[in-house]
PDB file of N, CA and C in Angstrom:
ATOM      1  N   MET A   1      63.105 -66.807 -47.392  1.00  0.00           N
ATOM      2  CA  MET A   1      63.153 -65.643 -48.213  1.00  0.00           C
ATOM      3  C   MET A   1      64.075 -64.623 -47.562  1.00  0.00           C
ATOM      4  N   ALA A   2      65.124 -64.248 -48.226  1.00  0.00           N
ATOM      5  CA  ALA A   2      66.103 -63.323 -47.678  1.00  0.00           C
ATOM      6  C   ALA A   2      65.617 -61.897 -47.867  1.00  0.00           C
ATOM      7  N   SER A   3      65.852 -61.071 -46.854  1.00  0.00           N
ATOM      8  CA  SER A   3      65.460 -59.674 -46.968  1.00  0.00           C
ATOM      9  C   SER A   3      66.662 -58.830 -47.360  1.00  0.00           C
ATOM     10  N   ASN A   4      66.389 -57.742 -47.998  1.00  0.00           N
ATOM     11  CA  ASN A   4      67.431 -56.840 -48.447  1.00  0.00           C
ATOM     12  C   ASN A   4      67.693 -55.815 -47.336  1.00  0.00           C
ATOM     13  N   PRO A   5      68.883 -55.823 -46.705  1.00  0.00           N
ATOM     14  CA  PRO A   5      69.131 -54.919 -45.585  1.00  0.00           C
ATOM     15  C   PRO A   5      69.141 -53.443 -45.985  1.00  0.00           C
ATOM     16  N   THR A   6      69.536 -53.119 -47.199  1.00  0.00           N
ATOM     17  CA  THR A   6      69.534 -51.709 -47.595  1.00  0.00           C
ATOM     18  C   THR A   6      68.121 -51.180 -47.754  1.00  0.00           C
ATOM     19  N   GLN A   7      67.204 -52.027 -48.205  1.00  0.00           N
ATOM     20  CA  GLN A   7      65.821 -51.590 -48.359  1.00  0.00           C
ATOM     21  C   GLN A   7      65.181 -51.361 -46.985  1.00  0.00           C
ATOM     22  N   SER A   8      65.462 -52.222 -45.996  1.00  0.00           N
ATOM     23  CA  SER A   8      64.869 -52.038 -44.674  1.00  0.00           C
ATOM     24  C   SER A   8      65.446 -50.805 -43.988  1.00  0.00           C
ATOM     25  N   LYS A   9      66.716 -50.455 -44.281  1.00  0.00           N
ATOM     26  CA  LYS A   9      67.283 -49.236 -43.706  1.00  0.00           C
ATOM     27  C   LYS A   9      66.622 -47.997 -44.285  1.00  0.00           C
ATOM     28  N   LYS A  10      66.193 -48.059 -45.538  1.00  0.00           N
ATOM     29  CA  LYS A  10      65.498 -46.934 -46.148  1.00  0.00           C
ATOM     30  C   LYS A  10      64.094 -46.777 -45.573  1.00  0.00           C
ATOM     31  N   LEU A  11      63.450 -47.872 -45.230  1.00  0.00           N
ATOM     32  CA  LEU A  11      62.094 -47.819 -44.706  1.00  0.00           C
ATOM     33  C   LEU A  11      62.045 -47.441 -43.227  1.00  0.00           C
ATOM     34  N   ALA A  12      63.129 -47.636 -42.517  1.00  0.00           N
ATOM     35  CA  ALA A  12      63.129 -47.366 -41.080  1.00  0.00           C
ATOM     36  C   ALA A  12      62.782 -45.913 -40.747  1.00  0.00           C
ATOM     37  N   PRO A  13      63.382 -44.907 -41.388  1.00  0.00           N
ATOM     38  CA  PRO A  13      62.985 -43.528 -41.067  1.00  0.00           C
ATOM     39  C   PRO A  13      61.527 -43.225 -41.419  1.00  0.00           C
ATOM     40  N   THR A  14      61.042 -43.815 -42.491  1.00  0.00           N
ATOM     41  CA  THR A  14      59.647 -43.615 -42.879  1.00  0.00           C
ATOM     42  C   THR A  14      58.715 -44.233 -41.852  1.00  0.00           C
ATOM     43  N   ARG A  15      59.032 -45.439 -41.429  1.00  0.00           N
ATOM     44  CA  ARG A  15      58.207 -46.093 -40.404  1.00  0.00           C
ATOM     45  C   ARG A  15      58.227 -45.302 -39.108  1.00  0.00           C
ATOM     46  N   ARG A  16      59.413 -44.835 -38.702  1.00  0.00           N
ATOM     47  CA  ARG A  16      59.523 -44.063 -37.464  1.00  0.00           C
ATOM     48  C   ARG A  16      58.699 -42.788 -37.576  1.00  0.00           C
ATOM     49  N   ALA A  17      58.765 -42.119 -38.722  1.00  0.00           N
ATOM     50  CA  ALA A  17      57.991 -40.890 -38.918  1.00  0.00           C
ATOM     51  C   ALA A  17      56.497 -41.173 -38.835  1.00  0.00           C
ATOM     52  N   LEU A  18      56.041 -42.231 -39.480  1.00  0.00           N
ATOM     53  CA  LEU A  18      54.617 -42.568 -39.445  1.00  0.00           C
ATOM     54  C   LEU A  18      54.149 -42.922 -38.040  1.00  0.00           C
ATOM     55  N   VAL A  19      54.976 -43.650 -37.303  1.00  0.00           N
ATOM     56  CA  VAL A  19      54.610 -44.012 -35.930  1.00  0.00           C
ATOM     57  C   VAL A  19      54.549 -42.771 -35.050  1.00  0.00           C
ATOM     58  N   GLU A  20      55.533 -41.896 -35.171  1.00  0.00           N
ATOM     59  CA  GLU A  20      55.552 -40.691 -34.334  1.00  0.00           C
ATOM     60  C   GLU A  20      54.402 -39.748 -34.681  1.00  0.00           C
ATOM     61  N   ILE A  21      54.138 -39.556 -35.952  1.00  0.00           N
ATOM     62  CA  ILE A  21      53.020 -38.702 -36.359  1.00  0.00           C
ATOM     63  C   ILE A  21      51.695 -39.327 -35.918  1.00  0.00           C
ATOM     64  N   GLY A  22      51.564 -40.633 -36.082  1.00  0.00           N
ATOM     65  CA  GLY A  22      50.352 -41.324 -35.626  1.00  0.00           C
ATOM     66  C   GLY A  22      50.138 -41.206 -34.136  1.00  0.00           C
ATOM     67  N   PHE A  23      51.213 -41.264 -33.372  1.00  0.00           N
ATOM     68  CA  PHE A  23      51.099 -41.135 -31.921  1.00  0.00           C
ATOM     69  C   PHE A  23      50.670 -39.723 -31.530  1.00  0.00           C
ATOM     70  N   ILE A  24      51.199 -38.721 -32.212  1.00  0.00           N
ATOM     71  CA  ILE A  24      50.798 -37.346 -31.926  1.00  0.00           C
ATOM     72  C   ILE A  24      49.325 -37.143 -32.277  1.00  0.00           C
ATOM     73  N   ILE A  25      48.878 -37.711 -33.389  1.00  0.00           N
ATOM     74  CA  ILE A  25      47.463 -37.624 -33.766  1.00  0.00           C
ATOM     75  C   ILE A  25      46.594 -38.335 -32.734  1.00  0.00           C
ATOM     76  N   PHE A  26      47.053 -39.497 -32.260  1.00  0.00           N
ATOM     77  CA  PHE A  26      46.313 -40.211 -31.211  1.00  0.00           C
ATOM     78  C   PHE A  26      46.190 -39.362 -29.951  1.00  0.00           C
ATOM     79  N   LEU A  27      47.272 -38.723 -29.536  1.00  0.00           N
ATOM     80  CA  LEU A  27      47.230 -37.873 -28.345  1.00  0.00           C
ATOM     81  C   LEU A  27      46.304 -36.679 -28.552  1.00  0.00           C
ATOM     82  N   PHE A  28      46.315 -36.113 -29.751  1.00  0.00           N
ATOM     83  CA  PHE A  28      45.439 -34.992 -30.065  1.00  0.00           C
ATOM     84  C   PHE A  28      43.975 -35.400 -29.916  1.00  0.00           C
ATOM     85  N   TYR A  29      43.609 -36.520 -30.535  1.00  0.00           N
ATOM     86  CA  TYR A  29      42.211 -36.953 -30.477  1.00  0.00           C
ATOM     87  C   TYR A  29      41.809 -37.425 -29.080  1.00  0.00           C
ATOM     88  N   SER A  30      42.710 -38.048 -28.360  1.00  0.00           N
ATOM     89  CA  SER A  30      42.346 -38.469 -26.999  1.00  0.00           C
ATOM     90  C   SER A  30      42.142 -37.251 -26.100  1.00  0.00           C
ATOM     91  N   ASN A  31      42.947 -36.212 -26.308  1.00  0.00           N
ATOM     92  CA  ASN A  31      42.759 -34.982 -25.540  1.00  0.00           C
ATOM     93  C   ASN A  31      41.431 -34.317 -25.904  1.00  0.00           C
ATOM     94  N   LEU A  32      41.113 -34.270 -27.192  1.00  0.00           N
ATOM     95  CA  LEU A  32      39.826 -33.721 -27.611  1.00  0.00           C
ATOM     96  C   LEU A  32      38.658 -34.517 -27.027  1.00  0.00           C
ATOM     97  N   LEU A  33      38.785 -35.826 -27.030  1.00  0.00           N
ATOM     98  CA  LEU A  33      37.708 -36.675 -26.515  1.00  0.00           C
ATOM     99  C   LEU A  33      37.505 -36.450 -25.028  1.00  0.00           C
ATOM    100  N   MET A  34      38.596 -36.368 -24.281  1.00  0.00           N
ATOM    101  CA  MET A  34      38.454 -36.137 -22.842  1.00  0.00           C
ATOM    102  C   MET A  34      37.780 -34.798 -22.573  1.00  0.00           C
ATOM    103  N   GLY A  35      38.203 -33.763 -23.293  1.00  0.00           N
ATOM    104  CA  GLY A  35      37.597 -32.450 -23.087  1.00  0.00           C
ATOM    105  C   GLY A  35      36.151 -32.402 -23.527  1.00  0.00           C
ATOM    106  N   GLU A  36      35.848 -32.989 -24.657  1.00  0.00           N
ATOM    107  CA  GLU A  36      34.482 -32.965 -25.175  1.00  0.00           C
ATOM    108  C   GLU A  36      33.551 -33.800 -24.307  1.00  0.00           C
ATOM    109  N   PHE A  37      34.008 -34.947 -23.874  1.00  0.00           N
ATOM    110  CA  PHE A  37      33.143 -35.800 -23.058  1.00  0.00           C
ATOM    111  C   PHE A  37      32.897 -35.158 -21.697  1.00  0.00           C
ATOM    112  N   THR A  38      33.895 -34.488 -21.164  1.00  0.00           N
ATOM    113  CA  THR A  38      33.718 -33.812 -19.878  1.00  0.00           C
ATOM    114  C   THR A  38      32.760 -32.637 -20.033  1.00  0.00           C
ATOM    115  N   ARG A  39      32.922 -31.864 -21.097  1.00  0.00           N
ATOM    116  CA  ARG A  39      32.079 -30.691 -21.328  1.00  0.00           C
ATOM    117  C   ARG A  39      30.652 -31.093 -21.691  1.00  0.00           C
ATOM    118  N   ALA A  40      30.520 -32.154 -22.473  1.00  0.00           N
ATOM    119  CA  ALA A  40      29.205 -32.543 -22.987  1.00  0.00           C
ATOM    120  C   ALA A  40      28.514 -33.575 -22.111  1.00  0.00           C
ATOM    121  N   ASN A  41      29.039 -33.837 -20.946  1.00  0.00           N
ATOM    122  CA  ASN A  41      28.477 -34.886 -20.104  1.00  0.00           C
ATOM    123  C   ASN A  41      27.278 -34.362 -19.315  1.00  0.00           C
ATOM    124  N   GLY A  42      26.271 -33.934 -20.025  1.00  0.00           N
ATOM    125  CA  GLY A  42      25.045 -33.469 -19.402  1.00  0.00           C
ATOM    126  C   GLY A  42      23.945 -34.503 -19.557  1.00  0.00           C
ATOM    127  N   HIS A  43      22.733 -34.074 -19.283  1.00  0.00           N
ATOM    128  CA  HIS A  43      21.593 -34.972 -19.401  1.00  0.00           C
ATOM    129  C   HIS A  43      21.383 -35.341 -20.869  1.00  0.00           C
ATOM    130  N   GLY A  44      21.369 -36.628 -21.168  1.00  0.00           N
ATOM    131  CA  GLY A  44      21.129 -37.105 -22.519  1.00  0.00           C
ATOM    132  C   GLY A  44      22.376 -37.148 -23.395  1.00  0.00           C
ATOM    133  N   LYS A  45      23.512 -36.768 -22.868  1.00  0.00           N
ATOM    134  CA  LYS A  45      24.753 -36.802 -23.641  1.00  0.00           C
ATOM    135  C   LYS A  45      25.445 -38.133 -23.404  1.00  0.00           C
ATOM    136  N   SER A  46      26.156 -38.608 -24.411  1.00  0.00           N
ATOM    137  CA  SER A  46      26.815 -39.902 -24.297  1.00  0.00           C
ATOM    138  C   SER A  46      28.199 -39.843 -24.922  1.00  0.00           C
ATOM    139  N   LEU A  47      28.914 -40.933 -24.782  1.00  0.00           N
ATOM    140  CA  LEU A  47      30.236 -41.041 -25.384  1.00  0.00           C
ATOM    141  C   LEU A  47      30.125 -41.009 -26.906  1.00  0.00           C
ATOM    142  N   ALA A  48      29.066 -41.607 -27.439  1.00  0.00           N
ATOM    143  CA  ALA A  48      28.853 -41.581 -28.895  1.00  0.00           C
ATOM    144  C   ALA A  48      28.642 -40.152 -29.389  1.00  0.00           C
ATOM    145  N   PHE A  49      27.959 -39.342 -28.613  1.00  0.00           N
ATOM    146  CA  PHE A  49      27.777 -37.932 -28.967  1.00  0.00           C
ATOM    147  C   PHE A  49      29.124 -37.218 -29.002  1.00  0.00           C
ATOM    148  N   ALA A  50      29.978 -37.479 -28.014  1.00  0.00           N
ATOM    149  CA  ALA A  50      31.300 -36.850 -27.967  1.00  0.00           C
ATOM    150  C   ALA A  50      32.146 -37.292 -29.154  1.00  0.00           C
ATOM    151  N   PHE A  51      32.104 -38.593 -29.487  1.00  0.00           N
ATOM    152  CA  PHE A  51      32.841 -39.079 -30.662  1.00  0.00           C
ATOM    153  C   PHE A  51      32.366 -38.371 -31.928  1.00  0.00           C
ATOM    154  N   GLY A  52      31.061 -38.262 -32.089  1.00  0.00           N
ATOM    155  CA  GLY A  52      30.512 -37.605 -33.266  1.00  0.00           C
ATOM    156  C   GLY A  52      30.893 -36.143 -33.364  1.00  0.00           C
ATOM    157  N   ASP A  53      31.103 -35.514 -32.219  1.00  0.00           N
ATOM    158  CA  ASP A  53      31.433 -34.100 -32.206  1.00  0.00           C
ATOM    159  C   ASP A  53      32.900 -33.826 -32.525  1.00  0.00           C
ATOM    160  N   ILE A  54      33.803 -34.742 -32.171  1.00  0.00           N
ATOM    161  CA  ILE A  54      35.233 -34.452 -32.368  1.00  0.00           C
ATOM    162  C   ILE A  54      35.767 -34.903 -33.715  1.00  0.00           C
ATOM    163  N   PHE A  55      35.140 -35.872 -34.363  1.00  0.00           N
ATOM    164  CA  PHE A  55      35.649 -36.366 -35.638  1.00  0.00           C
ATOM    165  C   PHE A  55      35.073 -35.533 -36.786  1.00  0.00           C
ATOM    166  N   SER A  56      35.818 -34.494 -37.135  1.00  0.00           N
ATOM    167  CA  SER A  56      35.423 -33.625 -38.237  1.00  0.00           C
ATOM    168  C   SER A  56      36.639 -33.397 -39.124  1.00  0.00           C
ATOM    169  N   LEU A  57      36.386 -32.870 -40.311  1.00  0.00           N
ATOM    170  CA  LEU A  57      37.476 -32.597 -41.244  1.00  0.00           C
ATOM    171  C   LEU A  57      38.437 -31.550 -40.675  1.00  0.00           C
ATOM    172  N   THR A  58      37.894 -30.552 -40.006  1.00  0.00           N
ATOM    173  CA  THR A  58      38.732 -29.505 -39.415  1.00  0.00           C
ATOM    174  C   THR A  58      39.670 -30.086 -38.372  1.00  0.00           C
ATOM    175  N   ASN A  59      39.139 -30.920 -37.494  1.00  0.00           N
ATOM    176  CA  ASN A  59      39.988 -31.530 -36.463  1.00  0.00           C
ATOM    177  C   ASN A  59      41.016 -32.460 -37.078  1.00  0.00           C
ATOM    178  N   LEU A  60      40.675 -33.152 -38.154  1.00  0.00           N
ATOM    179  CA  LEU A  60      41.635 -34.030 -38.818  1.00  0.00           C
ATOM    180  C   LEU A  60      42.785 -33.228 -39.414  1.00  0.00           C
ATOM    181  N   VAL A  61      42.473 -32.116 -40.059  1.00  0.00           N
ATOM    182  CA  VAL A  61      43.511 -31.268 -40.640  1.00  0.00           C
ATOM    183  C   VAL A  61      44.424 -30.724 -39.543  1.00  0.00           C
ATOM    184  N   ILE A  62      43.831 -30.262 -38.453  1.00  0.00           N
ATOM    185  CA  ILE A  62      44.626 -29.755 -37.332  1.00  0.00           C
ATOM    186  C   ILE A  62      45.506 -30.862 -36.765  1.00  0.00           C
ATOM    187  N   ALA A  63      44.968 -32.065 -36.630  1.00  0.00           N
ATOM    188  CA  ALA A  63      45.740 -33.184 -36.078  1.00  0.00           C
ATOM    189  C   ALA A  63      46.917 -33.549 -36.978  1.00  0.00           C
ATOM    190  N   VAL A  64      46.693 -33.598 -38.280  1.00  0.00           N
ATOM    191  CA  VAL A  64      47.774 -33.958 -39.208  1.00  0.00           C
ATOM    192  C   VAL A  64      48.851 -32.882 -39.221  1.00  0.00           C
ATOM    193  N   ILE A  65      48.450 -31.607 -39.253  1.00  0.00           N
ATOM    194  CA  ILE A  65      49.434 -30.526 -39.220  1.00  0.00           C
ATOM    195  C   ILE A  65      50.205 -30.542 -37.912  1.00  0.00           C
ATOM    196  N   SER A  66      49.520 -30.752 -36.805  1.00  0.00           N
ATOM    197  CA  SER A  66      50.194 -30.840 -35.504  1.00  0.00           C
ATOM    198  C   SER A  66      51.149 -32.023 -35.456  1.00  0.00           C
ATOM    199  N   GLY A  67      50.732 -33.142 -36.023  1.00  0.00           N
ATOM    200  CA  GLY A  67      51.598 -34.317 -36.056  1.00  0.00           C
ATOM    201  C   GLY A  67      52.856 -34.071 -36.862  1.00  0.00           C
ATOM    202  N   LEU A  68      52.704 -33.438 -38.012  1.00  0.00           N
ATOM    203  CA  LEU A  68      53.872 -33.137 -38.848  1.00  0.00           C
ATOM    204  C   LEU A  68      54.807 -32.142 -38.174  1.00  0.00           C
ATOM    205  N   LEU A  69      54.244 -31.086 -37.584  1.00  0.00           N
ATOM    206  CA  LEU A  69      55.083 -30.107 -36.889  1.00  0.00           C
ATOM    207  C   LEU A  69      55.774 -30.725 -35.677  1.00  0.00           C
ATOM    208  N   GLY A  70      55.048 -31.557 -34.952  1.00  0.00           N
ATOM    209  CA  GLY A  70      55.650 -32.240 -33.804  1.00  0.00           C
ATOM    210  C   GLY A  70      56.772 -33.165 -34.221  1.00  0.00           C
ATOM    211  N   TYR A  71      56.556 -33.899 -35.291  1.00  0.00           N
ATOM    212  CA  TYR A  71      57.610 -34.791 -35.791  1.00  0.00           C
ATOM    213  C   TYR A  71      58.825 -33.995 -36.228  1.00  0.00           C
ATOM    214  N   LEU A  72      58.615 -32.922 -36.985  1.00  0.00           N
ATOM    215  CA  LEU A  72      59.741 -32.114 -37.448  1.00  0.00           C
ATOM    216  C   LEU A  72      60.506 -31.500 -36.278  1.00  0.00           C
ATOM    217  N   GLY A  73      59.775 -31.053 -35.268  1.00  0.00           N
ATOM    218  CA  GLY A  73      60.429 -30.490 -34.085  1.00  0.00           C
ATOM    219  C   GLY A  73      61.263 -31.516 -33.345  1.00  0.00           C
ATOM    220  N   PHE A  74      60.700 -32.689 -33.110  1.00  0.00           N
ATOM    221  CA  PHE A  74      61.448 -33.739 -32.410  1.00  0.00           C
ATOM    222  C   PHE A  74      62.610 -34.252 -33.247  1.00  0.00           C
ATOM    223  N   ASP A  75      62.417 -34.325 -34.565  1.00  0.00           N
ATOM    224  CA  ASP A  75      63.503 -34.769 -35.429  1.00  0.00           C
ATOM    225  C   ASP A  75      64.648 -33.758 -35.412  1.00  0.00           C
ATOM    226  N   TYR A  76      64.321 -32.487 -35.412  1.00  0.00           N
ATOM    227  CA  TYR A  76      65.351 -31.445 -35.320  1.00  0.00           C
ATOM    228  C   TYR A  76      66.125 -31.581 -34.002  1.00  0.00           C
ATOM    229  N   LEU A  77      65.391 -31.740 -32.908  1.00  0.00           N
ATOM    230  CA  LEU A  77      66.052 -31.885 -31.608  1.00  0.00           C
ATOM    231  C   LEU A  77      66.887 -33.156 -31.535  1.00  0.00           C
ATOM    232  N   ARG A  78      66.400 -34.208 -32.164  1.00  0.00           N
ATOM    233  CA  ARG A  78      67.132 -35.477 -32.165  1.00  0.00           C
ATOM    234  C   ARG A  78      68.457 -35.338 -32.910  1.00  0.00           C
ATOM    235  N   LYS A  79      68.449 -34.608 -34.004  1.00  0.00           N
ATOM    236  CA  LYS A  79      69.659 -34.474 -34.823  1.00  0.00           C
ATOM    237  C   LYS A  79      70.640 -33.428 -34.287  1.00  0.00           C
ATOM    238  N   HIS A  80      70.142 -32.433 -33.557  1.00  0.00           N
ATOM    239  CA  HIS A  80      70.989 -31.346 -33.114  1.00  0.00           C
ATOM    240  C   HIS A  80      71.290 -31.369 -31.615  1.00  0.00           C
ATOM    241  N   SER A  81      71.086 -32.474 -30.953  1.00  0.00           N
ATOM    242  CA  SER A  81      71.455 -32.513 -29.538  1.00  0.00           C
ATOM    243  C   SER A  81      72.451 -33.578 -29.245  1.00  0.00           C
TER     244      SER A  81
END
């Protein structure tokens, strides 16, 4: 099955954007998890408690906005340097 090279060139920037935004979101949540687990590591606290505390709608919105802003910033620097 032959692939269409023009179609894959169109998808490449989209894939790169999704990977970069996903990586920024991953870094955001891993940083939140480290901070929450360190802060909440008292008597009776667990990793499951920390996971439950960081996965909220507010944190998701912040992560997505941060990912988009980070991608736009890096894309600007990539094109203008």
